[in-house]
Amino acid sequence: MTLDALVPVANDAVAYHRRRTVCVTGAAGYVASWLVKLLLEKGYTVKGTVRNPDDPSNAHLKAMKGAAERLILCKADLLDFAALREAVDGCQGVFHTASPVTDDPEQMVEPAVRGTRYVIEAAAEAGTARRVVFTSSVGAVTMDPNRGADVVVDESCWSDLEFCKKTNNWYCYGKAAAERAAWEAAKERGVELAVVNPVLVMGPPLQARVNASLMHVIKYLDGSAKTYANAVQGYVDVRDVAEAHVRVFEAEAAAGSRFLCIESVLHRGDLVRILAGLFPDFPVPDKCSDEKNPRRKAYKFSNRRLKKLGMQFTPIHVSLYDTVKCLQEKGHLPMHYPN
């Protein structure tokens, strides 16, 4: 029976979700914050893990509508199994979004892999979790030197771990290794698992601090980048990533599947042209750093699985506009670039 069959009207849906408690690891993060917000809006009770519940950086979580009644911040670290087990206790679902973001192999690989196994183990021991939704990455999908240019990138694609090692891409190695660990642990412990694989995330941040993906935009607007790379990148809006997690959790048919979360693939030159058109007063670079080699071509992709769950993706130009306006409002970019 589908969730829709259980909750046919909106008021019943809110009442149904209020009887459900879910855990979100790394709750103060970029994607996780929007996920917490969406879950609270839908009526869920949320247990969010953070390093320090009293840290002022969690203020945006505590200010969310419904947070006073239905948000519980739990002190936990990825490598602290006992704390994770306590956070997961009594939860009907677990969203594992927490992950290191670094190219340092020691700081990336072990915490990502062991932390993922701990979350799966905690969910299994709790015995109440209907499903674990794991936030993986396109980094676990696309790093394959043998993939042909005409191959459509979808959920069947996996990154080559040896290639990641050889190129010192420890972030992608860690994400791919962690996702493989998630599938292995879920099978061993009989835990129902679904995985979301986002590309580079754009969109307005709820948290105060700037993360790495937001710097991807800031550097083209604050004058620090004089050129753009001859490279392509997949993009998706943070609000869509949060929605994808909830849809994957609620859809009965999503169990045991990966979901590539992507709206578009752009050459960096196309990205800066969109930014220049939206914000003409800013010093957006108009020259490529590599003009000798052929322009890199965007890879083909499929986001059909998420669309089948009802996803409608935010266009990249809307996402970029909302991103910059929010960064301006938070003081990370000037309202008008000084001449």
C-alpha atoms as a PDB file:
ATOM      1  CA  MET A   1       0.000   0.000   0.000  1.00  0.00           C
ATOM      2  CA  THR A   2       1.333   3.442  -0.896  1.00  0.00           C
ATOM      3  CA  LEU A   3       1.583   6.368   1.477  1.00  0.00           C
ATOM      4  CA  ASP A   4      -1.004   8.216  -0.618  1.00  0.00           C
ATOM      5  CA  ALA A   5      -3.472   5.430   0.026  1.00  0.00           C
ATOM      6  CA  LEU A   6      -2.889   5.749   3.748  1.00  0.00           C
ATOM      7  CA  VAL A   7      -3.280   9.537   3.857  1.00  0.00           C
ATOM      8  CA  PRO A   8      -5.747  10.643   1.188  1.00  0.00           C
ATOM      9  CA  VAL A   9      -6.290  14.213   2.398  1.00  0.00           C
ATOM     10  CA  ALA A  10      -3.901  16.951   3.526  1.00  0.00           C
ATOM     11  CA  ASN A  11      -5.077  17.204   7.142  1.00  0.00           C
ATOM     12  CA  ASP A  12      -4.833  13.439   7.562  1.00  0.00           C
ATOM     13  CA  ALA A  13      -1.329  13.545   6.087  1.00  0.00           C
ATOM     14  CA  VAL A  14      -0.140  16.058   8.695  1.00  0.00           C
ATOM     15  CA  ALA A  15      -1.665  13.971  11.481  1.00  0.00           C
ATOM     16  CA  TYR A  16      -0.039  10.831  10.059  1.00  0.00           C
ATOM     17  CA  HIS A  17       3.424  12.376   9.877  1.00  0.00           C
ATOM     18  CA  ARG A  18       3.145  13.740  13.423  1.00  0.00           C
ATOM     19  CA  ARG A  19       3.043  10.161  14.613  1.00  0.00           C
ATOM     20  CA  ARG A  20       6.395   9.601  12.898  1.00  0.00           C
ATOM     21  CA  THR A  21       9.854  10.508  14.136  1.00  0.00           C
ATOM     22  CA  VAL A  22      12.890  10.587  11.864  1.00  0.00           C
ATOM     23  CA  CYS A  23      16.587  11.228  12.392  1.00  0.00           C
ATOM     24  CA  VAL A  24      18.677  13.532  10.196  1.00  0.00           C
ATOM     25  CA  THR A  25      22.436  13.259  10.678  1.00  0.00           C
ATOM     26  CA  GLY A  26      24.485  16.423  10.211  1.00  0.00           C
ATOM     27  CA  ALA A  27      21.285  18.451  10.579  1.00  0.00           C
ATOM     28  CA  ALA A  28      22.957  21.872  10.378  1.00  0.00           C
ATOM     29  CA  GLY A  29      24.436  21.243   6.933  1.00  0.00           C
ATOM     30  CA  TYR A  30      23.444  22.888   3.657  1.00  0.00           C
ATOM     31  CA  VAL A  31      21.205  20.102   2.331  1.00  0.00           C
ATOM     32  CA  ALA A  32      20.241  18.789   5.762  1.00  0.00           C
ATOM     33  CA  SER A  33      18.917  22.159   6.914  1.00  0.00           C
ATOM     34  CA  TRP A  34      16.451  22.289   4.023  1.00  0.00           C
ATOM     35  CA  LEU A  35      15.569  18.657   4.681  1.00  0.00           C
ATOM     36  CA  VAL A  36      14.826  19.406   8.344  1.00  0.00           C
ATOM     37  CA  LYS A  37      12.710  22.395   7.304  1.00  0.00           C
ATOM     38  CA  LEU A  38      10.702  20.319   4.832  1.00  0.00           C
ATOM     39  CA  LEU A  39      10.187  17.467   7.293  1.00  0.00           C
ATOM     40  CA  LEU A  40       8.948  19.877   9.965  1.00  0.00           C
ATOM     41  CA  GLU A  41       6.573  21.489   7.466  1.00  0.00           C
ATOM     42  CA  LYS A  42       5.169  18.052   6.677  1.00  0.00           C
ATOM     43  CA  GLY A  43       4.539  17.377  10.351  1.00  0.00           C
ATOM     44  CA  TYR A  44       7.369  14.998  11.197  1.00  0.00           C
ATOM     45  CA  THR A  45       9.190  15.060  14.511  1.00  0.00           C
ATOM     46  CA  VAL A  46      12.910  15.382  13.734  1.00  0.00           C
ATOM     47  CA  LYS A  47      15.891  14.272  15.781  1.00  0.00           C
ATOM     48  CA  GLY A  48      18.854  16.076  14.226  1.00  0.00           C
ATOM     49  CA  THR A  49      22.438  15.221  15.048  1.00  0.00           C
ATOM     50  CA  VAL A  50      24.922  18.074  15.449  1.00  0.00           C
ATOM     51  CA  ARG A  51      28.332  18.342  17.077  1.00  0.00           C
ATOM     52  CA  ASN A  52      27.101  20.787  19.712  1.00  0.00           C
ATOM     53  CA  PRO A  53      23.369  21.537  20.159  1.00  0.00           C
ATOM     54  CA  ASP A  54      24.215  24.815  21.915  1.00  0.00           C
ATOM     55  CA  ASP A  55      26.400  26.153  19.109  1.00  0.00           C
ATOM     56  CA  PRO A  56      25.007  29.464  17.742  1.00  0.00           C
ATOM     57  CA  SER A  57      25.453  28.040  14.211  1.00  0.00           C
ATOM     58  CA  ASN A  58      22.329  25.952  14.877  1.00  0.00           C
ATOM     59  CA  ALA A  59      20.166  29.037  15.369  1.00  0.00           C
ATOM     60  CA  HIS A  60      18.580  28.692  11.920  1.00  0.00           C
ATOM     61  CA  LEU A  61      17.331  25.219  12.849  1.00  0.00           C
ATOM     62  CA  LYS A  62      15.831  26.327  16.153  1.00  0.00           C
ATOM     63  CA  ALA A  63      14.061  29.225  14.414  1.00  0.00           C
ATOM     64  CA  MET A  64      12.203  26.988  11.957  1.00  0.00           C
ATOM     65  CA  LYS A  65       8.431  26.722  12.143  1.00  0.00           C
ATOM     66  CA  GLY A  66       7.566  23.703  14.250  1.00  0.00           C
ATOM     67  CA  ALA A  67      11.082  23.405  15.704  1.00  0.00           C
ATOM     68  CA  ALA A  68      10.067  24.322  19.233  1.00  0.00           C
ATOM     69  CA  GLU A  69       7.585  21.446  19.322  1.00  0.00           C
ATOM     70  CA  ARG A  70       9.115  18.829  17.035  1.00  0.00           C
ATOM     71  CA  LEU A  71      12.878  19.334  16.621  1.00  0.00           C
ATOM     72  CA  ILE A  72      15.303  17.604  18.979  1.00  0.00           C
ATOM     73  CA  LEU A  73      18.987  18.371  18.494  1.00  0.00           C
ATOM     74  CA  CYS A  74      21.204  15.478  19.577  1.00  0.00           C
ATOM     75  CA  LYS A  75      24.934  15.715  20.209  1.00  0.00           C
ATOM     76  CA  ALA A  76      26.616  13.117  18.015  1.00  0.00           C
ATOM     77  CA  ASP A  77      29.694  12.514  15.902  1.00  0.00           C
ATOM     78  CA  LEU A  78      29.988  10.163  12.930  1.00  0.00           C
ATOM     79  CA  LEU A  79      32.546   8.034  14.766  1.00  0.00           C
ATOM     80  CA  ASP A  80      30.580   7.855  18.030  1.00  0.00           C
ATOM     81  CA  PHE A  81      28.352   4.804  17.653  1.00  0.00           C
ATOM     82  CA  ALA A  82      26.710   5.151  21.068  1.00  0.00           C
ATOM     83  CA  ALA A  83      25.616   8.724  20.325  1.00  0.00           C
ATOM     84  CA  LEU A  84      24.291   7.761  16.881  1.00  0.00           C
ATOM     85  CA  ARG A  85      22.438   4.808  18.383  1.00  0.00           C
ATOM     86  CA  GLU A  86      20.773   7.097  20.927  1.00  0.00           C
ATOM     87  CA  ALA A  87      19.792   9.597  18.217  1.00  0.00           C
ATOM     88  CA  VAL A  88      18.211   6.897  16.060  1.00  0.00           C
ATOM     89  CA  ASP A  89      16.310   5.349  18.967  1.00  0.00           C
ATOM     90  CA  GLY A  90      12.551   5.444  18.379  1.00  0.00           C
ATOM     91  CA  CYS A  91      12.842   6.730  14.813  1.00  0.00           C
ATOM     92  CA  GLN A  92      10.775   5.348  11.952  1.00  0.00           C
ATOM     93  CA  GLY A  93      13.246   6.662   9.390  1.00  0.00           C
ATOM     94  CA  VAL A  94      16.862   7.814   9.157  1.00  0.00           C
ATOM     95  CA  PHE A  95      18.326  10.348   6.715  1.00  0.00           C
ATOM     96  CA  HIS A  96      22.103  10.036   6.726  1.00  0.00           C
ATOM     97  CA  THR A  97      23.319  13.314   5.215  1.00  0.00           C
ATOM     98  CA  ALA A  98      26.417  13.897   7.380  1.00  0.00           C
ATOM     99  CA  SER A  99      29.744  13.447   5.611  1.00  0.00           C
ATOM    100  CA  PRO A 100      33.205  14.997   5.587  1.00  0.00           C
ATOM    101  CA  VAL A 101      33.907  17.243   2.588  1.00  0.00           C
ATOM    102  CA  THR A 102      37.645  17.175   1.985  1.00  0.00           C
ATOM    103  CA  ASP A 103      40.340  15.762  -0.288  1.00  0.00           C
ATOM    104  CA  ASP A 104      42.429  14.688   2.704  1.00  0.00           C
ATOM    105  CA  PRO A 105      42.259  10.866   2.600  1.00  0.00           C
ATOM    106  CA  GLU A 106      42.600  10.454   6.372  1.00  0.00           C
ATOM    107  CA  GLN A 107      39.846  12.956   7.141  1.00  0.00           C
ATOM    108  CA  MET A 108      37.558  11.797   4.327  1.00  0.00           C
ATOM    109  CA  VAL A 109      37.635   8.053   3.848  1.00  0.00           C
ATOM    110  CA  GLU A 110      37.496   6.491   7.316  1.00  0.00           C
ATOM    111  CA  PRO A 111      34.878   8.864   8.799  1.00  0.00           C
ATOM    112  CA  ALA A 112      32.708   8.561   5.682  1.00  0.00           C
ATOM    113  CA  VAL A 113      32.853   4.766   5.518  1.00  0.00           C
ATOM    114  CA  ARG A 114      32.838   3.920   9.223  1.00  0.00           C
ATOM    115  CA  GLY A 115      30.252   6.596  10.011  1.00  0.00           C
ATOM    116  CA  THR A 116      27.944   5.194   7.340  1.00  0.00           C
ATOM    117  CA  ARG A 117      28.283   1.679   8.727  1.00  0.00           C
ATOM    118  CA  TYR A 118      27.570   2.999  12.226  1.00  0.00           C
ATOM    119  CA  VAL A 119      24.355   4.666  11.045  1.00  0.00           C
ATOM    120  CA  ILE A 120      23.159   1.457   9.360  1.00  0.00           C
ATOM    121  CA  GLU A 121      24.078  -0.552  12.471  1.00  0.00           C
ATOM    122  CA  ALA A 122      22.265   1.929  14.705  1.00  0.00           C
ATOM    123  CA  ALA A 123      19.136   1.741  12.547  1.00  0.00           C
ATOM    124  CA  ALA A 124      19.253  -2.061  12.645  1.00  0.00           C
ATOM    125  CA  GLU A 125      19.656  -2.167  16.426  1.00  0.00           C
ATOM    126  CA  ALA A 126      16.879   0.388  16.974  1.00  0.00           C
ATOM    127  CA  GLY A 127      14.487  -1.929  15.192  1.00  0.00           C
ATOM    128  CA  THR A 128      11.947   0.800  14.465  1.00  0.00           C
ATOM    129  CA  ALA A 129      13.411   2.373  11.316  1.00  0.00           C
ATOM    130  CA  ARG A 130      11.356   1.617   8.227  1.00  0.00           C
ATOM    131  CA  ARG A 131      14.035   2.936   5.888  1.00  0.00           C
ATOM    132  CA  VAL A 132      17.438   4.607   5.782  1.00  0.00           C
ATOM    133  CA  VAL A 133      17.959   7.239   3.086  1.00  0.00           C
ATOM    134  CA  PHE A 134      21.641   7.807   2.427  1.00  0.00           C
ATOM    135  CA  THR A 135      22.967  10.996   0.843  1.00  0.00           C
ATOM    136  CA  SER A 136      25.658   9.872  -1.556  1.00  0.00           C
ATOM    137  CA  SER A 137      27.031  11.997  -4.401  1.00  0.00           C
ATOM    138  CA  VAL A 138      27.589  12.150  -8.129  1.00  0.00           C
ATOM    139  CA  GLY A 139      31.168  11.551  -7.021  1.00  0.00           C
ATOM    140  CA  ALA A 140      30.152   7.922  -6.515  1.00  0.00           C
ATOM    141  CA  VAL A 141      28.753   7.804 -10.058  1.00  0.00           C
ATOM    142  CA  THR A 142      30.787   9.596 -12.722  1.00  0.00           C
ATOM    143  CA  MET A 143      34.495   9.021 -11.983  1.00  0.00           C
ATOM    144  CA  ASP A 144      35.076   6.344 -14.610  1.00  0.00           C
ATOM    145  CA  PRO A 145      37.741   6.912 -17.289  1.00  0.00           C
ATOM    146  CA  ASN A 146      36.322   4.083 -19.406  1.00  0.00           C
ATOM    147  CA  ARG A 147      32.829   5.540 -19.746  1.00  0.00           C
ATOM    148  CA  GLY A 148      32.150   6.508 -23.354  1.00  0.00           C
ATOM    149  CA  ALA A 149      31.211  10.066 -24.255  1.00  0.00           C
ATOM    150  CA  ASP A 150      27.790   8.962 -25.476  1.00  0.00           C
ATOM    151  CA  VAL A 151      26.928   6.895 -22.396  1.00  0.00           C
ATOM    152  CA  VAL A 152      23.981   8.299 -20.469  1.00  0.00           C
ATOM    153  CA  VAL A 153      24.959   8.781 -16.829  1.00  0.00           C
ATOM    154  CA  ASP A 154      22.318   7.215 -14.605  1.00  0.00           C
ATOM    155  CA  GLU A 155      21.955   5.116 -11.477  1.00  0.00           C
ATOM    156  CA  SER A 156      23.705   2.139 -13.070  1.00  0.00           C
ATOM    157  CA  CYS A 157      27.011   4.046 -13.235  1.00  0.00           C
ATOM    158  CA  TRP A 158      29.674   3.715 -10.538  1.00  0.00           C
ATOM    159  CA  SER A 159      32.926   5.561  -9.997  1.00  0.00           C
ATOM    160  CA  ASP A 160      36.135   3.559 -10.359  1.00  0.00           C
ATOM    161  CA  LEU A 161      37.811   3.489  -6.936  1.00  0.00           C
ATOM    162  CA  GLU A 162      41.269   2.818  -8.367  1.00  0.00           C
ATOM    163  CA  PHE A 163      40.917   5.759 -10.749  1.00  0.00           C
ATOM    164  CA  CYS A 164      39.905   8.001  -7.827  1.00  0.00           C
ATOM    165  CA  LYS A 165      43.018   6.851  -5.965  1.00  0.00           C
ATOM    166  CA  LYS A 166      45.316   7.448  -8.923  1.00  0.00           C
ATOM    167  CA  THR A 167      43.976  10.970  -9.427  1.00  0.00           C
ATOM    168  CA  ASN A 168      44.031  11.722  -5.664  1.00  0.00           C
ATOM    169  CA  ASN A 169      40.335  12.479  -5.763  1.00  0.00           C
ATOM    170  CA  TRP A 170      39.732  11.407  -2.191  1.00  0.00           C
ATOM    171  CA  TYR A 171      36.367  13.103  -1.906  1.00  0.00           C
ATOM    172  CA  CYS A 172      34.926  10.985  -4.733  1.00  0.00           C
ATOM    173  CA  TYR A 173      36.745   7.922  -3.417  1.00  0.00           C
ATOM    174  CA  GLY A 174      35.258   8.467   0.031  1.00  0.00           C
ATOM    175  CA  LYS A 175      31.726   8.999  -1.276  1.00  0.00           C
ATOM    176  CA  ALA A 176      31.892   5.933  -3.510  1.00  0.00           C
ATOM    177  CA  ALA A 177      33.397   3.783  -0.765  1.00  0.00           C
ATOM    178  CA  ALA A 178      30.829   5.022   1.755  1.00  0.00           C
ATOM    179  CA  GLU A 179      27.926   4.244  -0.562  1.00  0.00           C
ATOM    180  CA  ARG A 180      29.255   0.759  -1.233  1.00  0.00           C
ATOM    181  CA  ALA A 181      29.606   0.298   2.529  1.00  0.00           C
ATOM    182  CA  ALA A 182      26.003   1.421   2.984  1.00  0.00           C
ATOM    183  CA  TRP A 183      24.676  -1.165   0.538  1.00  0.00           C
ATOM    184  CA  GLU A 184      26.817  -3.911   2.087  1.00  0.00           C
ATOM    185  CA  ALA A 185      25.841  -3.063   5.670  1.00  0.00           C
ATOM    186  CA  ALA A 186      22.152  -2.730   4.779  1.00  0.00           C
ATOM    187  CA  LYS A 187      22.188  -6.175   3.174  1.00  0.00           C
ATOM    188  CA  GLU A 188      24.028  -7.711   6.120  1.00  0.00           C
ATOM    189  CA  ARG A 189      21.670  -6.230   8.704  1.00  0.00           C
ATOM    190  CA  GLY A 190      18.419  -6.442   6.759  1.00  0.00           C
ATOM    191  CA  VAL A 191      17.928  -2.663   6.687  1.00  0.00           C
ATOM    192  CA  GLU A 192      15.824  -1.105   3.930  1.00  0.00           C
ATOM    193  CA  LEU A 193      18.011   1.406   2.073  1.00  0.00           C
ATOM    194  CA  ALA A 194      17.545   4.030  -0.635  1.00  0.00           C
ATOM    195  CA  VAL A 195      20.246   6.387  -1.913  1.00  0.00           C
ATOM    196  CA  VAL A 196      20.151   9.927  -3.329  1.00  0.00           C
ATOM    197  CA  ASN A 197      23.112  10.975  -5.509  1.00  0.00           C
ATOM    198  CA  PRO A 198      23.117  14.771  -5.920  1.00  0.00           C
ATOM    199  CA  VAL A 199      25.412  16.686  -8.250  1.00  0.00           C
ATOM    200  CA  LEU A 200      26.840  20.096  -7.251  1.00  0.00           C
ATOM    201  CA  VAL A 201      24.185  21.755  -5.112  1.00  0.00           C
ATOM    202  CA  MET A 202      23.103  25.353  -5.656  1.00  0.00           C
ATOM    203  CA  GLY A 203      20.292  27.389  -4.098  1.00  0.00           C
ATOM    204  CA  PRO A 204      19.767  29.695  -1.121  1.00  0.00           C
ATOM    205  CA  PRO A 205      21.492  28.576   2.087  1.00  0.00           C
ATOM    206  CA  LEU A 206      19.620  28.495   5.387  1.00  0.00           C
ATOM    207  CA  GLN A 207      22.803  28.264   7.447  1.00  0.00           C
ATOM    208  CA  ALA A 208      24.946  31.329   8.110  1.00  0.00           C
ATOM    209  CA  ARG A 209      28.268  29.943   6.915  1.00  0.00           C
ATOM    210  CA  VAL A 210      29.405  29.527   3.322  1.00  0.00           C
ATOM    211  CA  ASN A 211      30.274  26.014   2.161  1.00  0.00           C
ATOM    212  CA  ALA A 212      32.336  24.739  -0.775  1.00  0.00           C
ATOM    213  CA  SER A 213      29.516  24.544  -3.319  1.00  0.00           C
ATOM    214  CA  LEU A 214      28.485  28.144  -2.614  1.00  0.00           C
ATOM    215  CA  MET A 215      32.084  29.261  -3.166  1.00  0.00           C
ATOM    216  CA  HIS A 216      31.667  27.818  -6.663  1.00  0.00           C
ATOM    217  CA  VAL A 217      29.368  30.779  -7.380  1.00  0.00           C
ATOM    218  CA  ILE A 218      30.919  33.420  -5.138  1.00  0.00           C
ATOM    219  CA  LYS A 219      34.327  33.227  -6.826  1.00  0.00           C
ATOM    220  CA  TYR A 220      32.799  34.252 -10.156  1.00  0.00           C
ATOM    221  CA  LEU A 221      31.128  37.297  -8.611  1.00  0.00           C
ATOM    222  CA  ASP A 222      33.621  38.703  -6.100  1.00  0.00           C
ATOM    223  CA  GLY A 223      36.466  39.253  -8.562  1.00  0.00           C
ATOM    224  CA  SER A 224      38.670  36.448  -7.260  1.00  0.00           C
ATOM    225  CA  ALA A 225      38.277  34.332 -10.412  1.00  0.00           C
ATOM    226  CA  LYS A 226      39.671  36.065 -13.494  1.00  0.00           C
ATOM    227  CA  THR A 227      38.930  33.144 -15.829  1.00  0.00           C
ATOM    228  CA  TYR A 228      36.701  30.074 -15.883  1.00  0.00           C
ATOM    229  CA  ALA A 229      37.784  26.464 -16.375  1.00  0.00           C
ATOM    230  CA  ASN A 230      37.277  24.359 -19.486  1.00  0.00           C
ATOM    231  CA  ALA A 231      35.098  21.962 -17.505  1.00  0.00           C
ATOM    232  CA  VAL A 232      31.543  20.718 -17.185  1.00  0.00           C
ATOM    233  CA  GLN A 233      29.485  20.313 -14.052  1.00  0.00           C
ATOM    234  CA  GLY A 234      26.090  18.937 -13.054  1.00  0.00           C
ATOM    235  CA  TYR A 235      23.846  21.221 -11.007  1.00  0.00           C
ATOM    236  CA  VAL A 236      20.754  20.855  -8.842  1.00  0.00           C
ATOM    237  CA  ASP A 237      18.872  23.100  -6.420  1.00  0.00           C
ATOM    238  CA  VAL A 238      19.223  22.434  -2.681  1.00  0.00           C
ATOM    239  CA  ARG A 239      15.449  22.600  -2.225  1.00  0.00           C
ATOM    240  CA  ASP A 240      15.060  19.871  -4.851  1.00  0.00           C
ATOM    241  CA  VAL A 241      17.638  17.696  -3.099  1.00  0.00           C
ATOM    242  CA  ALA A 242      15.700  17.983   0.167  1.00  0.00           C
ATOM    243  CA  GLU A 243      12.453  17.152  -1.594  1.00  0.00           C
ATOM    244  CA  ALA A 244      14.077  14.175  -3.318  1.00  0.00           C
ATOM    245  CA  HIS A 245      15.072  12.742   0.062  1.00  0.00           C
ATOM    246  CA  VAL A 246      11.533  12.973   1.392  1.00  0.00           C
ATOM    247  CA  ARG A 247      10.000  11.493  -1.760  1.00  0.00           C
ATOM    248  CA  VAL A 248      12.485   8.625  -1.683  1.00  0.00           C
ATOM    249  CA  PHE A 249      11.669   7.989   1.972  1.00  0.00           C
ATOM    250  CA  GLU A 250       7.912   8.036   1.495  1.00  0.00           C
ATOM    251  CA  ALA A 251       7.637   6.091  -1.773  1.00  0.00           C
ATOM    252  CA  GLU A 252       7.244   2.367  -1.133  1.00  0.00           C
ATOM    253  CA  ALA A 253       8.785   1.504  -4.507  1.00  0.00           C
ATOM    254  CA  ALA A 254      11.994   3.466  -3.773  1.00  0.00           C
ATOM    255  CA  ALA A 255      13.463   0.792  -1.508  1.00  0.00           C
ATOM    256  CA  GLY A 256      16.725  -0.674  -2.758  1.00  0.00           C
ATOM    257  CA  SER A 257      17.323   1.976  -5.435  1.00  0.00           C
ATOM    258  CA  ARG A 258      19.690   4.839  -6.207  1.00  0.00           C
ATOM    259  CA  PHE A 259      18.342   8.182  -7.426  1.00  0.00           C
ATOM    260  CA  LEU A 260      20.503  10.557  -9.465  1.00  0.00           C
ATOM    261  CA  CYS A 261      19.509  14.078  -8.394  1.00  0.00           C
ATOM    262  CA  ILE A 262      20.399  16.450 -11.238  1.00  0.00           C
ATOM    263  CA  GLU A 263      18.722  19.264 -13.154  1.00  0.00           C
ATOM    264  CA  SER A 264      21.297  20.199 -15.782  1.00  0.00           C
ATOM    265  CA  VAL A 265      24.900  19.832 -16.932  1.00  0.00           C
ATOM    266  CA  LEU A 266      26.666  23.017 -17.983  1.00  0.00           C
ATOM    267  CA  HIS A 267      30.058  23.988 -19.307  1.00  0.00           C
ATOM    268  CA  ARG A 268      31.608  26.511 -16.956  1.00  0.00           C
ATOM    269  CA  GLY A 269      31.376  29.104 -19.725  1.00  0.00           C
ATOM    270  CA  ASP A 270      27.596  28.670 -19.830  1.00  0.00           C
ATOM    271  CA  LEU A 271      27.402  29.059 -16.061  1.00  0.00           C
ATOM    272  CA  VAL A 272      29.284  32.351 -16.036  1.00  0.00           C
ATOM    273  CA  ARG A 273      27.178  33.656 -18.930  1.00  0.00           C
ATOM    274  CA  ILE A 274      24.019  32.999 -16.902  1.00  0.00           C
ATOM    275  CA  LEU A 275      25.546  34.790 -13.912  1.00  0.00           C
ATOM    276  CA  ALA A 276      26.636  37.731 -16.066  1.00  0.00           C
ATOM    277  CA  GLY A 277      23.136  38.028 -17.499  1.00  0.00           C
ATOM    278  CA  LEU A 278      21.500  37.919 -14.070  1.00  0.00           C
ATOM    279  CA  PHE A 279      24.023  40.201 -12.340  1.00  0.00           C
ATOM    280  CA  PRO A 280      25.643  42.441 -14.974  1.00  0.00           C
ATOM    281  CA  ASP A 281      27.195  44.781 -12.391  1.00  0.00           C
ATOM    282  CA  PHE A 282      29.498  42.063 -11.069  1.00  0.00           C
ATOM    283  CA  PRO A 283      32.970  41.228 -12.485  1.00  0.00           C
ATOM    284  CA  VAL A 284      32.039  37.852 -13.950  1.00  0.00           C
ATOM    285  CA  PRO A 285      34.978  36.429 -15.966  1.00  0.00           C
ATOM    286  CA  ASP A 286      34.471  36.082 -19.712  1.00  0.00           C
ATOM    287  CA  LYS A 287      37.633  34.192 -20.667  1.00  0.00           C
ATOM    288  CA  CYS A 288      38.450  30.497 -20.388  1.00  0.00           C
ATOM    289  CA  SER A 289      41.683  29.477 -18.678  1.00  0.00           C
ATOM    290  CA  ASP A 290      42.192  26.821 -21.362  1.00  0.00           C
ATOM    291  CA  GLU A 291      41.539  28.187 -24.839  1.00  0.00           C
ATOM    292  CA  LYS A 292      44.006  25.891 -26.620  1.00  0.00           C
ATOM    293  CA  ASN A 293      42.071  22.660 -26.136  1.00  0.00           C
ATOM    294  CA  PRO A 294      38.584  21.836 -27.479  1.00  0.00           C
ATOM    295  CA  ARG A 295      35.663  22.901 -25.354  1.00  0.00           C
ATOM    296  CA  ARG A 296      34.600  20.091 -23.018  1.00  0.00           C
ATOM    297  CA  LYS A 297      31.216  18.602 -23.884  1.00  0.00           C
ATOM    298  CA  ALA A 298      28.455  18.148 -21.336  1.00  0.00           C
ATOM    299  CA  TYR A 299      27.696  14.532 -20.494  1.00  0.00           C
ATOM    300  CA  LYS A 300      24.267  13.047 -21.033  1.00  0.00           C
ATOM    301  CA  PHE A 301      22.262  12.134 -17.960  1.00  0.00           C
ATOM    302  CA  SER A 302      18.951  10.692 -16.836  1.00  0.00           C
ATOM    303  CA  ASN A 303      16.932  11.898 -13.825  1.00  0.00           C
ATOM    304  CA  ARG A 304      13.941   9.789 -14.819  1.00  0.00           C
ATOM    305  CA  ARG A 305      13.748   7.851 -11.569  1.00  0.00           C
ATOM    306  CA  LEU A 306      13.113  10.954  -9.487  1.00  0.00           C
ATOM    307  CA  LYS A 307      10.707  12.368 -12.054  1.00  0.00           C
ATOM    308  CA  LYS A 308       8.710   9.163 -11.745  1.00  0.00           C
ATOM    309  CA  LEU A 309       8.321  10.009  -8.055  1.00  0.00           C
ATOM    310  CA  GLY A 310       6.841  13.385  -9.013  1.00  0.00           C
ATOM    311  CA  MET A 311       9.954  15.577  -8.898  1.00  0.00           C
ATOM    312  CA  GLN A 312       9.901  18.799 -10.910  1.00  0.00           C
ATOM    313  CA  PHE A 313      13.359  20.328 -10.884  1.00  0.00           C
ATOM    314  CA  THR A 314      14.097  24.015 -10.372  1.00  0.00           C
ATOM    315  CA  PRO A 315      15.714  25.511 -13.521  1.00  0.00           C
ATOM    316  CA  ILE A 316      19.371  26.378 -13.000  1.00  0.00           C
ATOM    317  CA  HIS A 317      18.916  30.095 -13.755  1.00  0.00           C
ATOM    318  CA  VAL A 318      16.263  30.331 -11.017  1.00  0.00           C
ATOM    319  CA  SER A 319      18.491  28.454  -8.599  1.00  0.00           C
ATOM    320  CA  LEU A 320      21.478  30.700  -9.336  1.00  0.00           C
ATOM    321  CA  TYR A 321      19.409  33.873  -8.972  1.00  0.00           C
ATOM    322  CA  ASP A 322      18.006  32.747  -5.618  1.00  0.00           C
ATOM    323  CA  THR A 323      21.481  31.701  -4.481  1.00  0.00           C
ATOM    324  CA  VAL A 324      23.072  35.077  -5.169  1.00  0.00           C
ATOM    325  CA  LYS A 325      20.188  37.096  -3.736  1.00  0.00           C
ATOM    326  CA  CYS A 326      20.376  35.065  -0.521  1.00  0.00           C
ATOM    327  CA  LEU A 327      24.156  35.470  -0.321  1.00  0.00           C
ATOM    328  CA  GLN A 328      23.673  39.208  -0.712  1.00  0.00           C
ATOM    329  CA  GLU A 329      21.062  39.287   2.045  1.00  0.00           C
ATOM    330  CA  LYS A 330      23.404  37.369   4.358  1.00  0.00           C
ATOM    331  CA  GLY A 331      26.287  39.757   3.607  1.00  0.00           C
ATOM    332  CA  HIS A 332      28.492  37.289   1.710  1.00  0.00           C
ATOM    333  CA  LEU A 333      28.223  39.367  -1.475  1.00  0.00           C
ATOM    334  CA  PRO A 334      27.619  43.112  -1.866  1.00  0.00           C
ATOM    335  CA  MET A 335      24.208  44.256  -3.039  1.00  0.00           C
ATOM    336  CA  HIS A 336      25.985  46.079  -5.873  1.00  0.00           C
ATOM    337  CA  TYR A 337      29.563  45.513  -6.901  1.00  0.00           C
ATOM    338  CA  PRO A 338      31.597  48.694  -6.384  1.00  0.00           C
ATOM    339  CA  ASN A 339      33.041  50.156  -9.589  1.00  0.00           C
END
